[in-house]
Amino acid sequence: MRFEAEVEVLRHQVNQLTKENTRLRSIVGVIKRAVQEAPESVIPLHKEESTRDRLIRSLAISKGNRNKAAKIMGIARSSLYLAIKKYDLPRVRSGNNVSLS
């Protein structure tokens, strides 16, 4: 009877480890998908860099594509539009050259 009890304890532990392994695989999958879906280059805001400069740089990297620029900055597209209006930046069509000056 003791042997059967030990086998049952081991069986329970294996089941717990299997469940934990499944959870870890799920978490790894979520992380991998997040990395794949992340913008190609997220632009950090440096202390000496103004929001306006970061906005201009994001638009330059995205070649004027406002949707991509918003993703690069990590903000909503509507927030990007408001920032463009706030800093009175010219509207640049996607694909046009964007000057950083």
C-alpha atoms as a PDB file:
ATOM      1  CA  MET A   1       0.000   0.000   0.000  1.00  0.00           C
ATOM      2  CA  ARG A   2       2.847   2.416   0.749  1.00  0.00           C
ATOM      3  CA  PHE A   3       4.314   1.938  -2.748  1.00  0.00           C
ATOM      4  CA  GLU A   4       0.962   2.793  -4.349  1.00  0.00           C
ATOM      5  CA  ALA A   5       0.708   5.961  -2.241  1.00  0.00           C
ATOM      6  CA  GLU A   6       4.212   7.058  -3.310  1.00  0.00           C
ATOM      7  CA  VAL A   7       3.345   6.373  -6.950  1.00  0.00           C
ATOM      8  CA  GLU A   8       0.210   8.486  -6.582  1.00  0.00           C
ATOM      9  CA  VAL A   9       2.229  11.366  -5.050  1.00  0.00           C
ATOM     10  CA  LEU A  10       4.725  11.165  -7.923  1.00  0.00           C
ATOM     11  CA  ARG A  11       1.904  11.056 -10.460  1.00  0.00           C
ATOM     12  CA  HIS A  12       0.401  14.182  -8.880  1.00  0.00           C
ATOM     13  CA  GLN A  13       3.770  15.974  -8.962  1.00  0.00           C
ATOM     14  CA  VAL A  14       4.280  15.070 -12.637  1.00  0.00           C
ATOM     15  CA  ASN A  15       0.813  16.430 -13.433  1.00  0.00           C
ATOM     16  CA  GLN A  16       1.604  19.681 -11.612  1.00  0.00           C
ATOM     17  CA  LEU A  17       4.913  20.029 -13.465  1.00  0.00           C
ATOM     18  CA  THR A  18       3.178  19.349 -16.774  1.00  0.00           C
ATOM     19  CA  LYS A  19       0.595  22.062 -16.039  1.00  0.00           C
ATOM     20  CA  GLU A  20       3.351  24.493 -15.046  1.00  0.00           C
ATOM     21  CA  ASN A  21       5.312  23.649 -18.192  1.00  0.00           C
ATOM     22  CA  THR A  22       2.190  24.320 -20.276  1.00  0.00           C
ATOM     23  CA  ARG A  23       1.719  27.701 -18.558  1.00  0.00           C
ATOM     24  CA  LEU A  24       5.352  28.623 -19.167  1.00  0.00           C
ATOM     25  CA  ARG A  25       5.089  27.658 -22.841  1.00  0.00           C
ATOM     26  CA  SER A  26       1.985  29.802 -23.118  1.00  0.00           C
ATOM     27  CA  ILE A  27       3.779  32.767 -21.544  1.00  0.00           C
ATOM     28  CA  VAL A  28       6.769  32.298 -23.847  1.00  0.00           C
ATOM     29  CA  GLY A  29       4.394  32.227 -26.812  1.00  0.00           C
ATOM     30  CA  VAL A  30       2.776  35.484 -25.729  1.00  0.00           C
ATOM     31  CA  ILE A  31       6.183  37.128 -25.312  1.00  0.00           C
ATOM     32  CA  LYS A  32       7.361  35.906 -28.728  1.00  0.00           C
ATOM     33  CA  ARG A  33       4.221  37.267 -30.401  1.00  0.00           C
ATOM     34  CA  ALA A  34       4.609  40.607 -28.623  1.00  0.00           C
ATOM     35  CA  VAL A  35       8.210  40.898 -29.785  1.00  0.00           C
ATOM     36  CA  GLN A  36       7.231  40.040 -33.362  1.00  0.00           C
ATOM     37  CA  GLU A  37       4.412  42.592 -33.357  1.00  0.00           C
ATOM     38  CA  ALA A  38       6.488  45.336 -31.740  1.00  0.00           C
ATOM     39  CA  PRO A  39       7.539  48.277 -33.874  1.00  0.00           C
ATOM     40  CA  GLU A  40      10.859  47.837 -35.625  1.00  0.00           C
ATOM     41  CA  SER A  41      12.442  50.602 -33.611  1.00  0.00           C
ATOM     42  CA  VAL A  42      10.929  52.170 -30.555  1.00  0.00           C
ATOM     43  CA  ILE A  43      12.348  55.624 -30.060  1.00  0.00           C
ATOM     44  CA  PRO A  44      13.230  56.384 -26.445  1.00  0.00           C
ATOM     45  CA  LEU A  45      12.690  59.913 -25.184  1.00  0.00           C
ATOM     46  CA  HIS A  46      16.000  61.235 -23.916  1.00  0.00           C
ATOM     47  CA  LYS A  47      16.042  63.954 -21.273  1.00  0.00           C
ATOM     48  CA  GLU A  48      17.630  66.418 -23.659  1.00  0.00           C
ATOM     49  CA  GLU A  49      15.271  65.512 -26.514  1.00  0.00           C
ATOM     50  CA  SER A  50      11.983  67.348 -26.746  1.00  0.00           C
ATOM     51  CA  THR A  51       8.722  65.648 -27.594  1.00  0.00           C
ATOM     52  CA  ARG A  52       8.673  67.699 -30.788  1.00  0.00           C
ATOM     53  CA  ASP A  53      12.096  66.341 -31.817  1.00  0.00           C
ATOM     54  CA  ARG A  54      11.001  62.803 -31.052  1.00  0.00           C
ATOM     55  CA  LEU A  55       7.848  63.336 -33.096  1.00  0.00           C
ATOM     56  CA  ILE A  56       9.844  64.661 -36.051  1.00  0.00           C
ATOM     57  CA  ARG A  57      12.282  61.755 -35.816  1.00  0.00           C
ATOM     58  CA  SER A  58       9.431  59.226 -35.695  1.00  0.00           C
ATOM     59  CA  LEU A  59       7.855  60.767 -38.770  1.00  0.00           C
ATOM     60  CA  ALA A  60      11.200  60.709 -40.564  1.00  0.00           C
ATOM     61  CA  ILE A  61      11.796  57.040 -39.744  1.00  0.00           C
ATOM     62  CA  SER A  62       8.286  56.153 -40.883  1.00  0.00           C
ATOM     63  CA  LYS A  63       8.700  58.296 -44.040  1.00  0.00           C
ATOM     64  CA  GLY A  64       5.655  60.337 -43.077  1.00  0.00           C
ATOM     65  CA  ASN A  65       3.414  57.384 -42.299  1.00  0.00           C
ATOM     66  CA  ARG A  66       1.543  58.654 -39.248  1.00  0.00           C
ATOM     67  CA  ASN A  67       0.250  55.234 -38.240  1.00  0.00           C
ATOM     68  CA  LYS A  68       3.795  53.819 -38.173  1.00  0.00           C
ATOM     69  CA  ALA A  69       5.102  56.943 -36.434  1.00  0.00           C
ATOM     70  CA  ALA A  70       2.524  56.488 -33.672  1.00  0.00           C
ATOM     71  CA  LYS A  71       3.576  52.848 -33.241  1.00  0.00           C
ATOM     72  CA  ILE A  72       7.232  53.853 -33.109  1.00  0.00           C
ATOM     73  CA  MET A  73       6.464  56.391 -30.412  1.00  0.00           C
ATOM     74  CA  GLY A  74       4.237  53.953 -28.554  1.00  0.00           C
ATOM     75  CA  ILE A  75       1.216  56.251 -28.616  1.00  0.00           C
ATOM     76  CA  ALA A  76      -2.252  56.163 -30.143  1.00  0.00           C
ATOM     77  CA  ARG A  77      -2.628  57.527 -33.661  1.00  0.00           C
ATOM     78  CA  SER A  78      -5.086  60.142 -32.367  1.00  0.00           C
ATOM     79  CA  SER A  79      -2.458  61.321 -29.860  1.00  0.00           C
ATOM     80  CA  LEU A  80       0.041  61.646 -32.686  1.00  0.00           C
ATOM     81  CA  TYR A  81      -2.412  63.786 -34.681  1.00  0.00           C
ATOM     82  CA  LEU A  82      -2.929  66.028 -31.651  1.00  0.00           C
ATOM     83  CA  ALA A  83       0.838  66.359 -31.168  1.00  0.00           C
ATOM     84  CA  ILE A  84       1.348  67.238 -34.846  1.00  0.00           C
ATOM     85  CA  LYS A  85      -1.291  69.937 -34.487  1.00  0.00           C
ATOM     86  CA  LYS A  86       0.130  71.148 -31.152  1.00  0.00           C
ATOM     87  CA  TYR A  87       3.644  71.558 -32.564  1.00  0.00           C
ATOM     88  CA  ASP A  88       2.294  72.970 -35.834  1.00  0.00           C
ATOM     89  CA  LEU A  89       4.157  70.456 -37.979  1.00  0.00           C
ATOM     90  CA  PRO A  90       3.434  70.360 -41.688  1.00  0.00           C
ATOM     91  CA  ARG A  91       1.337  67.513 -42.981  1.00  0.00           C
ATOM     92  CA  VAL A  92       3.576  65.164 -44.933  1.00  0.00           C
ATOM     93  CA  ARG A  93       2.142  62.472 -47.147  1.00  0.00           C
ATOM     94  CA  SER A  94       3.365  58.926 -46.584  1.00  0.00           C
ATOM     95  CA  GLY A  95       6.364  58.097 -48.758  1.00  0.00           C
ATOM     96  CA  ASN A  96       7.573  61.691 -49.133  1.00  0.00           C
ATOM     97  CA  ASN A  97      10.958  62.673 -47.816  1.00  0.00           C
ATOM     98  CA  VAL A  98      10.814  64.177 -44.359  1.00  0.00           C
ATOM     99  CA  SER A  99      13.426  66.648 -43.234  1.00  0.00           C
ATOM    100  CA  LEU A 100      14.632  66.649 -39.640  1.00  0.00           C
ATOM    101  CA  SER A 101      15.537  70.352 -39.729  1.00  0.00           C
END
